[in-house]
Amino acid sequence: MNDIYTENLADFGYRERVMLAELLQAWNEQGLPADFSDDNVRFAFNHNSGYVFLVNDEYQVAMVRNGSLEIWHNLPYSGEEGFILDLMEDLDASTLNAEDVEYIQQYNPAFGREVA
């Protein structure tokens, strides 16, 4: 097991199978996130991060956050990663590249705009 990334469920340990069950439960109860493509959805595990997640042919990732499935985002310029609400909270739009700001504004048009 030298691979960092695996979709082989035999590589999942007890902890990862518990996380897999949480993913399945969230998917069954709430469905996939609205912008998450259902094209070849499968389970994956990253040995380095310890994350278990759903991935699809669009390379989108969904994970459980507060009991719900949410998309895990990668900003296009900086490469910052996280759930969109966390990115909006943790990042200062004035220090981000315009491409990253525009990406976040797809989810929250007010991000980075001055409020009078």
C-alpha atoms as a PDB file:
ATOM      1  CA  MET A   1       0.000   0.000   0.000  1.00  0.00           C
ATOM      2  CA  ASN A   2       2.408   2.656  -1.262  1.00  0.00           C
ATOM      3  CA  ASP A   3      -0.200   4.779  -3.007  1.00  0.00           C
ATOM      4  CA  ILE A   4      -1.309   8.016  -1.396  1.00  0.00           C
ATOM      5  CA  TYR A   5      -4.693   7.882  -3.140  1.00  0.00           C
ATOM      6  CA  THR A   6      -6.854   4.786  -3.392  1.00  0.00           C
ATOM      7  CA  GLU A   7     -10.338   3.806  -4.463  1.00  0.00           C
ATOM      8  CA  ASN A   8      -9.770   0.184  -3.429  1.00  0.00           C
ATOM      9  CA  LEU A   9     -12.071  -0.422  -0.459  1.00  0.00           C
ATOM     10  CA  ALA A  10      -9.713  -3.175   0.737  1.00  0.00           C
ATOM     11  CA  ASP A  11      -7.229  -0.381   1.556  1.00  0.00           C
ATOM     12  CA  PHE A  12      -9.734   1.302   3.893  1.00  0.00           C
ATOM     13  CA  GLY A  13      -9.206   0.548   7.577  1.00  0.00           C
ATOM     14  CA  TYR A  14     -11.825   0.525  10.329  1.00  0.00           C
ATOM     15  CA  ARG A  15     -11.731   4.329  10.751  1.00  0.00           C
ATOM     16  CA  GLU A  16     -12.059   4.907   7.028  1.00  0.00           C
ATOM     17  CA  ARG A  17     -14.987   2.457   6.740  1.00  0.00           C
ATOM     18  CA  VAL A  18     -16.777   4.400   9.500  1.00  0.00           C
ATOM     19  CA  MET A  19     -16.211   7.590   7.503  1.00  0.00           C
ATOM     20  CA  LEU A  20     -17.448   5.781   4.392  1.00  0.00           C
ATOM     21  CA  ALA A  21     -20.657   4.866   6.243  1.00  0.00           C
ATOM     22  CA  GLU A  22     -21.126   8.548   7.186  1.00  0.00           C
ATOM     23  CA  LEU A  23     -20.726   9.495   3.506  1.00  0.00           C
ATOM     24  CA  LEU A  24     -23.314   6.921   2.475  1.00  0.00           C
ATOM     25  CA  GLN A  25     -25.743   8.039   5.160  1.00  0.00           C
ATOM     26  CA  ALA A  26     -25.442  11.700   4.160  1.00  0.00           C
ATOM     27  CA  TRP A  27     -25.852  10.776   0.477  1.00  0.00           C
ATOM     28  CA  ASN A  28     -28.928   8.633   1.244  1.00  0.00           C
ATOM     29  CA  GLU A  29     -30.563  11.292   3.420  1.00  0.00           C
ATOM     30  CA  GLN A  30     -29.729  14.476   1.468  1.00  0.00           C
ATOM     31  CA  GLY A  31     -28.444  13.456  -1.935  1.00  0.00           C
ATOM     32  CA  LEU A  32     -25.340  14.803  -3.607  1.00  0.00           C
ATOM     33  CA  PRO A  33     -24.487  18.518  -3.373  1.00  0.00           C
ATOM     34  CA  ALA A  34     -26.341  20.564  -6.006  1.00  0.00           C
ATOM     35  CA  ASP A  35     -23.272  21.367  -8.141  1.00  0.00           C
ATOM     36  CA  PHE A  36     -21.704  17.901  -7.799  1.00  0.00           C
ATOM     37  CA  SER A  37     -21.819  15.854 -11.008  1.00  0.00           C
ATOM     38  CA  ASP A  38     -23.147  12.315 -10.614  1.00  0.00           C
ATOM     39  CA  ASP A  39     -20.912  11.043 -13.426  1.00  0.00           C
ATOM     40  CA  ASN A  40     -19.099   7.923 -12.141  1.00  0.00           C
ATOM     41  CA  VAL A  41     -19.238   8.789  -8.429  1.00  0.00           C
ATOM     42  CA  ARG A  42     -16.955   6.612  -6.325  1.00  0.00           C
ATOM     43  CA  PHE A  43     -15.353   6.472  -2.893  1.00  0.00           C
ATOM     44  CA  ALA A  44     -11.726   7.415  -2.347  1.00  0.00           C
ATOM     45  CA  PHE A  45      -9.235   7.681   0.481  1.00  0.00           C
ATOM     46  CA  ASN A  46      -6.136   9.877   0.760  1.00  0.00           C
ATOM     47  CA  HIS A  47      -3.607   8.227   3.077  1.00  0.00           C
ATOM     48  CA  ASN A  48      -1.711  11.493   3.663  1.00  0.00           C
ATOM     49  CA  SER A  49      -4.676  13.645   4.668  1.00  0.00           C
ATOM     50  CA  GLY A  50      -6.741  10.838   6.186  1.00  0.00           C
ATOM     51  CA  TYR A  51      -9.795  12.070   4.260  1.00  0.00           C
ATOM     52  CA  VAL A  52     -12.423   9.718   2.867  1.00  0.00           C
ATOM     53  CA  PHE A  53     -14.527  11.330   0.170  1.00  0.00           C
ATOM     54  CA  LEU A  54     -16.602  10.984  -2.958  1.00  0.00           C
ATOM     55  CA  VAL A  55     -14.983  11.790  -6.282  1.00  0.00           C
ATOM     56  CA  ASN A  56     -16.398  11.887  -9.804  1.00  0.00           C
ATOM     57  CA  ASP A  57     -15.160  12.057 -13.385  1.00  0.00           C
ATOM     58  CA  GLU A  58     -15.079  15.870 -13.158  1.00  0.00           C
ATOM     59  CA  TYR A  59     -12.507  15.545 -10.330  1.00  0.00           C
ATOM     60  CA  GLN A  60     -14.960  17.119  -7.914  1.00  0.00           C
ATOM     61  CA  VAL A  61     -14.681  16.017  -4.293  1.00  0.00           C
ATOM     62  CA  ALA A  62     -17.482  15.854  -1.724  1.00  0.00           C
ATOM     63  CA  MET A  63     -17.018  15.224   1.991  1.00  0.00           C
ATOM     64  CA  VAL A  64     -19.175  15.295   5.089  1.00  0.00           C
ATOM     65  CA  ARG A  65     -19.203  18.619   6.941  1.00  0.00           C
ATOM     66  CA  ASN A  66     -21.509  19.010   9.936  1.00  0.00           C
ATOM     67  CA  GLY A  67     -23.506  15.959   8.848  1.00  0.00           C
ATOM     68  CA  SER A  68     -24.042  17.116   5.249  1.00  0.00           C
ATOM     69  CA  LEU A  69     -22.251  16.404   2.010  1.00  0.00           C
ATOM     70  CA  GLU A  70     -20.460  19.473   0.692  1.00  0.00           C
ATOM     71  CA  ILE A  71     -18.071  20.072  -2.159  1.00  0.00           C
ATOM     72  CA  TRP A  72     -14.399  20.452  -1.231  1.00  0.00           C
ATOM     73  CA  HIS A  73     -13.061  23.318  -3.330  1.00  0.00           C
ATOM     74  CA  ASN A  74      -9.626  24.057  -4.783  1.00  0.00           C
ATOM     75  CA  LEU A  75      -9.138  27.699  -5.674  1.00  0.00           C
ATOM     76  CA  PRO A  76      -7.871  27.978  -9.257  1.00  0.00           C
ATOM     77  CA  TYR A  77      -4.985  30.408  -8.698  1.00  0.00           C
ATOM     78  CA  SER A  78      -3.679  29.931  -5.160  1.00  0.00           C
ATOM     79  CA  GLY A  79      -4.612  26.272  -4.791  1.00  0.00           C
ATOM     80  CA  GLU A  80      -6.140  26.936  -1.355  1.00  0.00           C
ATOM     81  CA  GLU A  81      -8.472  24.085  -0.422  1.00  0.00           C
ATOM     82  CA  GLY A  82     -11.526  23.798   1.769  1.00  0.00           C
ATOM     83  CA  PHE A  83     -15.280  24.001   2.060  1.00  0.00           C
ATOM     84  CA  ILE A  84     -16.584  27.217   0.517  1.00  0.00           C
ATOM     85  CA  LEU A  85     -17.892  28.665   3.800  1.00  0.00           C
ATOM     86  CA  ASP A  86     -14.547  28.040   5.480  1.00  0.00           C
ATOM     87  CA  LEU A  87     -12.660  29.623   2.586  1.00  0.00           C
ATOM     88  CA  MET A  88     -14.866  32.714   2.750  1.00  0.00           C
ATOM     89  CA  GLU A  89     -14.307  32.965   6.491  1.00  0.00           C
ATOM     90  CA  ASP A  90     -10.570  32.271   6.487  1.00  0.00           C
ATOM     91  CA  LEU A  91      -9.427  34.203   3.422  1.00  0.00           C
ATOM     92  CA  ASP A  92      -9.227  37.942   2.878  1.00  0.00           C
ATOM     93  CA  ALA A  93     -10.455  38.845  -0.598  1.00  0.00           C
ATOM     94  CA  SER A  94      -8.057  41.811  -0.728  1.00  0.00           C
ATOM     95  CA  THR A  95      -5.062  39.444  -0.619  1.00  0.00           C
ATOM     96  CA  LEU A  96      -6.404  36.931  -3.156  1.00  0.00           C
ATOM     97  CA  ASN A  97      -5.822  36.847  -6.880  1.00  0.00           C
ATOM     98  CA  ALA A  98      -8.845  38.069  -8.871  1.00  0.00           C
ATOM     99  CA  GLU A  99      -9.340  34.574 -10.308  1.00  0.00           C
ATOM    100  CA  ASP A 100      -9.782  33.121  -6.800  1.00  0.00           C
ATOM    101  CA  VAL A 101     -12.154  35.944  -5.801  1.00  0.00           C
ATOM    102  CA  GLU A 102     -14.270  35.336  -8.917  1.00  0.00           C
ATOM    103  CA  TYR A 103     -14.378  31.615  -8.135  1.00  0.00           C
ATOM    104  CA  ILE A 104     -15.687  32.237  -4.611  1.00  0.00           C
ATOM    105  CA  GLN A 105     -18.158  34.819  -5.915  1.00  0.00           C
ATOM    106  CA  GLN A 106     -19.822  32.043  -7.921  1.00  0.00           C
ATOM    107  CA  TYR A 107     -21.049  30.784  -4.535  1.00  0.00           C
ATOM    108  CA  ASN A 108     -21.375  34.132  -2.759  1.00  0.00           C
ATOM    109  CA  PRO A 109     -21.539  37.187  -5.049  1.00  0.00           C
ATOM    110  CA  ALA A 110     -20.952  39.519  -2.094  1.00  0.00           C
ATOM    111  CA  PHE A 111     -17.526  38.022  -1.288  1.00  0.00           C
ATOM    112  CA  GLY A 112     -14.852  40.697  -1.553  1.00  0.00           C
ATOM    113  CA  ARG A 113     -17.228  43.539  -2.292  1.00  0.00           C
ATOM    114  CA  GLU A 114     -17.239  46.580  -0.049  1.00  0.00           C
ATOM    115  CA  VAL A 115     -20.427  46.993   1.960  1.00  0.00           C
ATOM    116  CA  ALA A 116     -21.409  50.622   2.539  1.00  0.00           C
END
